């Protein structure tokens, strides 16, 4: 998938995504949210994705390839935004 839109992800909140660069590592899509006025989520409005991973490994800000059984593989630039004893949250922002 190379055509990023909120509608591609919003139905997959709660789903696991495999981190291709780290076999055995899975992140859960915790949130998919639009910014500003989103008239049609199928268009390319601004939106963010929040993924939740395990406490280890911790990924630096970088592009990772995430694999989902329905939407396939996509390269997404993520930034770690929060961490606690239960895991790390990574955010991707699309403008």
C-alpha atoms as a PDB file:
ATOM      1  CA  UNK A   1       0.000   0.000   0.000  1.00  0.00           C
ATOM      2  CA  UNK A   2       1.456   3.349  -0.944  1.00  0.00           C
ATOM      3  CA  UNK A   3      -1.720   5.434  -0.790  1.00  0.00           C
ATOM      4  CA  UNK A   4      -2.056   6.496   2.841  1.00  0.00           C
ATOM      5  CA  UNK A   5      -5.487   7.575   4.080  1.00  0.00           C
ATOM      6  CA  UNK A   6      -7.174   7.473   7.476  1.00  0.00           C
ATOM      7  CA  UNK A   7      -9.829   5.127   6.094  1.00  0.00           C
ATOM      8  CA  UNK A   8      -7.150   2.520   5.403  1.00  0.00           C
ATOM      9  CA  UNK A   9      -6.374   2.247   9.115  1.00  0.00           C
ATOM     10  CA  UNK A  10      -9.414   3.290  11.158  1.00  0.00           C
ATOM     11  CA  UNK A  11     -11.076  -0.119  10.876  1.00  0.00           C
ATOM     12  CA  UNK A  12      -7.924  -1.813  12.165  1.00  0.00           C
ATOM     13  CA  UNK A  13      -7.606  -0.171  15.586  1.00  0.00           C
ATOM     14  CA  UNK A  14      -6.779  -2.974  18.008  1.00  0.00           C
ATOM     15  CA  UNK A  15      -5.148  -5.100  15.303  1.00  0.00           C
ATOM     16  CA  UNK A  16      -1.554  -6.356  15.465  1.00  0.00           C
ATOM     17  CA  UNK A  17       1.027  -5.173  12.926  1.00  0.00           C
ATOM     18  CA  UNK A  18       4.291  -7.101  12.498  1.00  0.00           C
ATOM     19  CA  UNK A  19       7.491  -5.036  12.486  1.00  0.00           C
ATOM     20  CA  UNK A  20       9.305  -6.517   9.490  1.00  0.00           C
ATOM     21  CA  UNK A  21      12.751  -5.276  10.574  1.00  0.00           C
ATOM     22  CA  UNK A  22      12.450  -7.125  13.908  1.00  0.00           C
ATOM     23  CA  UNK A  23      11.006 -10.618  13.393  1.00  0.00           C
ATOM     24  CA  UNK A  24       8.756 -11.626  16.283  1.00  0.00           C
ATOM     25  CA  UNK A  25       7.990  -7.995  17.170  1.00  0.00           C
ATOM     26  CA  UNK A  26       4.365  -6.908  16.931  1.00  0.00           C
ATOM     27  CA  UNK A  27       2.779  -3.522  17.560  1.00  0.00           C
ATOM     28  CA  UNK A  28      -0.922  -2.926  18.135  1.00  0.00           C
ATOM     29  CA  UNK A  29      -2.667  -0.030  16.409  1.00  0.00           C
ATOM     30  CA  UNK A  30      -4.038   1.821  19.427  1.00  0.00           C
ATOM     31  CA  UNK A  31      -5.510   4.872  17.699  1.00  0.00           C
ATOM     32  CA  UNK A  32      -6.204   6.306  14.244  1.00  0.00           C
ATOM     33  CA  UNK A  33      -7.327   9.939  14.393  1.00  0.00           C
ATOM     34  CA  UNK A  34      -7.934  12.722  11.903  1.00  0.00           C
ATOM     35  CA  UNK A  35      -6.770  16.308  12.377  1.00  0.00           C
ATOM     36  CA  UNK A  36      -8.836  19.340  11.611  1.00  0.00           C
ATOM     37  CA  UNK A  37     -11.807  19.038   9.321  1.00  0.00           C
ATOM     38  CA  UNK A  38     -11.954  15.547   7.857  1.00  0.00           C
ATOM     39  CA  UNK A  39     -14.822  15.638   5.406  1.00  0.00           C
ATOM     40  CA  UNK A  40     -14.049  12.303   3.787  1.00  0.00           C
ATOM     41  CA  UNK A  41     -11.669   9.885   5.576  1.00  0.00           C
ATOM     42  CA  UNK A  42     -10.911   8.187   2.229  1.00  0.00           C
ATOM     43  CA  UNK A  43      -9.101  11.342   1.093  1.00  0.00           C
ATOM     44  CA  UNK A  44      -5.629  12.361   2.097  1.00  0.00           C
ATOM     45  CA  UNK A  45      -6.444  14.601   5.041  1.00  0.00           C
ATOM     46  CA  UNK A  46      -4.023  14.961   7.936  1.00  0.00           C
ATOM     47  CA  UNK A  47      -4.139  12.122  10.443  1.00  0.00           C
ATOM     48  CA  UNK A  48      -2.057  10.263  12.999  1.00  0.00           C
ATOM     49  CA  UNK A  49      -1.605   6.662  14.019  1.00  0.00           C
ATOM     50  CA  UNK A  50      -0.578   5.545  17.480  1.00  0.00           C
ATOM     51  CA  UNK A  51       0.977   2.112  17.825  1.00  0.00           C
ATOM     52  CA  UNK A  52       1.741   0.331  21.088  1.00  0.00           C
ATOM     53  CA  UNK A  53       4.721  -2.029  21.383  1.00  0.00           C
ATOM     54  CA  UNK A  54       6.407  -4.058  24.094  1.00  0.00           C
ATOM     55  CA  UNK A  55       8.947  -2.436  26.460  1.00  0.00           C
ATOM     56  CA  UNK A  56      11.772  -4.028  24.416  1.00  0.00           C
ATOM     57  CA  UNK A  57      13.055  -3.546  21.829  1.00  0.00           C
ATOM     58  CA  UNK A  58      12.745   0.238  21.781  1.00  0.00           C
ATOM     59  CA  UNK A  59      12.914   1.721  18.300  1.00  0.00           C
ATOM     60  CA  UNK A  60      14.405   5.162  17.662  1.00  0.00           C
ATOM     61  CA  UNK A  61      12.662   7.642  15.383  1.00  0.00           C
ATOM     62  CA  UNK A  62      12.847   5.946  11.988  1.00  0.00           C
ATOM     63  CA  UNK A  63      10.980   4.411   9.088  1.00  0.00           C
ATOM     64  CA  UNK A  64       9.772   0.887   9.816  1.00  0.00           C
ATOM     65  CA  UNK A  65       7.932  -1.567   7.611  1.00  0.00           C
ATOM     66  CA  UNK A  66       4.701  -2.735   9.206  1.00  0.00           C
ATOM     67  CA  UNK A  67       2.817  -5.779   7.927  1.00  0.00           C
ATOM     68  CA  UNK A  68      -0.912  -6.338   8.406  1.00  0.00           C
ATOM     69  CA  UNK A  69      -2.781  -9.352   7.002  1.00  0.00           C
ATOM     70  CA  UNK A  70      -5.467  -7.219   5.338  1.00  0.00           C
ATOM     71  CA  UNK A  71      -3.732  -4.002   4.252  1.00  0.00           C
ATOM     72  CA  UNK A  72      -0.317  -5.527   3.551  1.00  0.00           C
ATOM     73  CA  UNK A  73       3.089  -3.937   4.104  1.00  0.00           C
ATOM     74  CA  UNK A  74       3.717  -0.221   4.423  1.00  0.00           C
ATOM     75  CA  UNK A  75       6.788   1.832   5.269  1.00  0.00           C
ATOM     76  CA  UNK A  76       5.830   4.284   8.011  1.00  0.00           C
ATOM     77  CA  UNK A  77       7.964   6.921   9.750  1.00  0.00           C
ATOM     78  CA  UNK A  78       7.386   6.595  13.510  1.00  0.00           C
ATOM     79  CA  UNK A  79       8.559   8.449  16.585  1.00  0.00           C
ATOM     80  CA  UNK A  80       8.510   7.034  20.114  1.00  0.00           C
ATOM     81  CA  UNK A  81       6.255   9.373  22.114  1.00  0.00           C
ATOM     82  CA  UNK A  82       5.735   7.621  25.444  1.00  0.00           C
ATOM     83  CA  UNK A  83       7.002   4.682  27.469  1.00  0.00           C
ATOM     84  CA  UNK A  84       6.027   2.971  30.689  1.00  0.00           C
ATOM     85  CA  UNK A  85       6.541  -0.425  32.312  1.00  0.00           C
ATOM     86  CA  UNK A  86       3.986  -1.975  29.955  1.00  0.00           C
ATOM     87  CA  UNK A  87       5.424  -0.753  26.666  1.00  0.00           C
ATOM     88  CA  UNK A  88       6.302   2.002  24.213  1.00  0.00           C
ATOM     89  CA  UNK A  89       3.941   4.150  22.133  1.00  0.00           C
ATOM     90  CA  UNK A  90       4.977   5.160  18.614  1.00  0.00           C
ATOM     91  CA  UNK A  91       3.278   7.893  16.589  1.00  0.00           C
ATOM     92  CA  UNK A  92       3.095   8.357  12.837  1.00  0.00           C
ATOM     93  CA  UNK A  93       1.768  11.660  11.439  1.00  0.00           C
ATOM     94  CA  UNK A  94       0.500  12.068   7.875  1.00  0.00           C
ATOM     95  CA  UNK A  95      -0.039  15.529   6.374  1.00  0.00           C
END
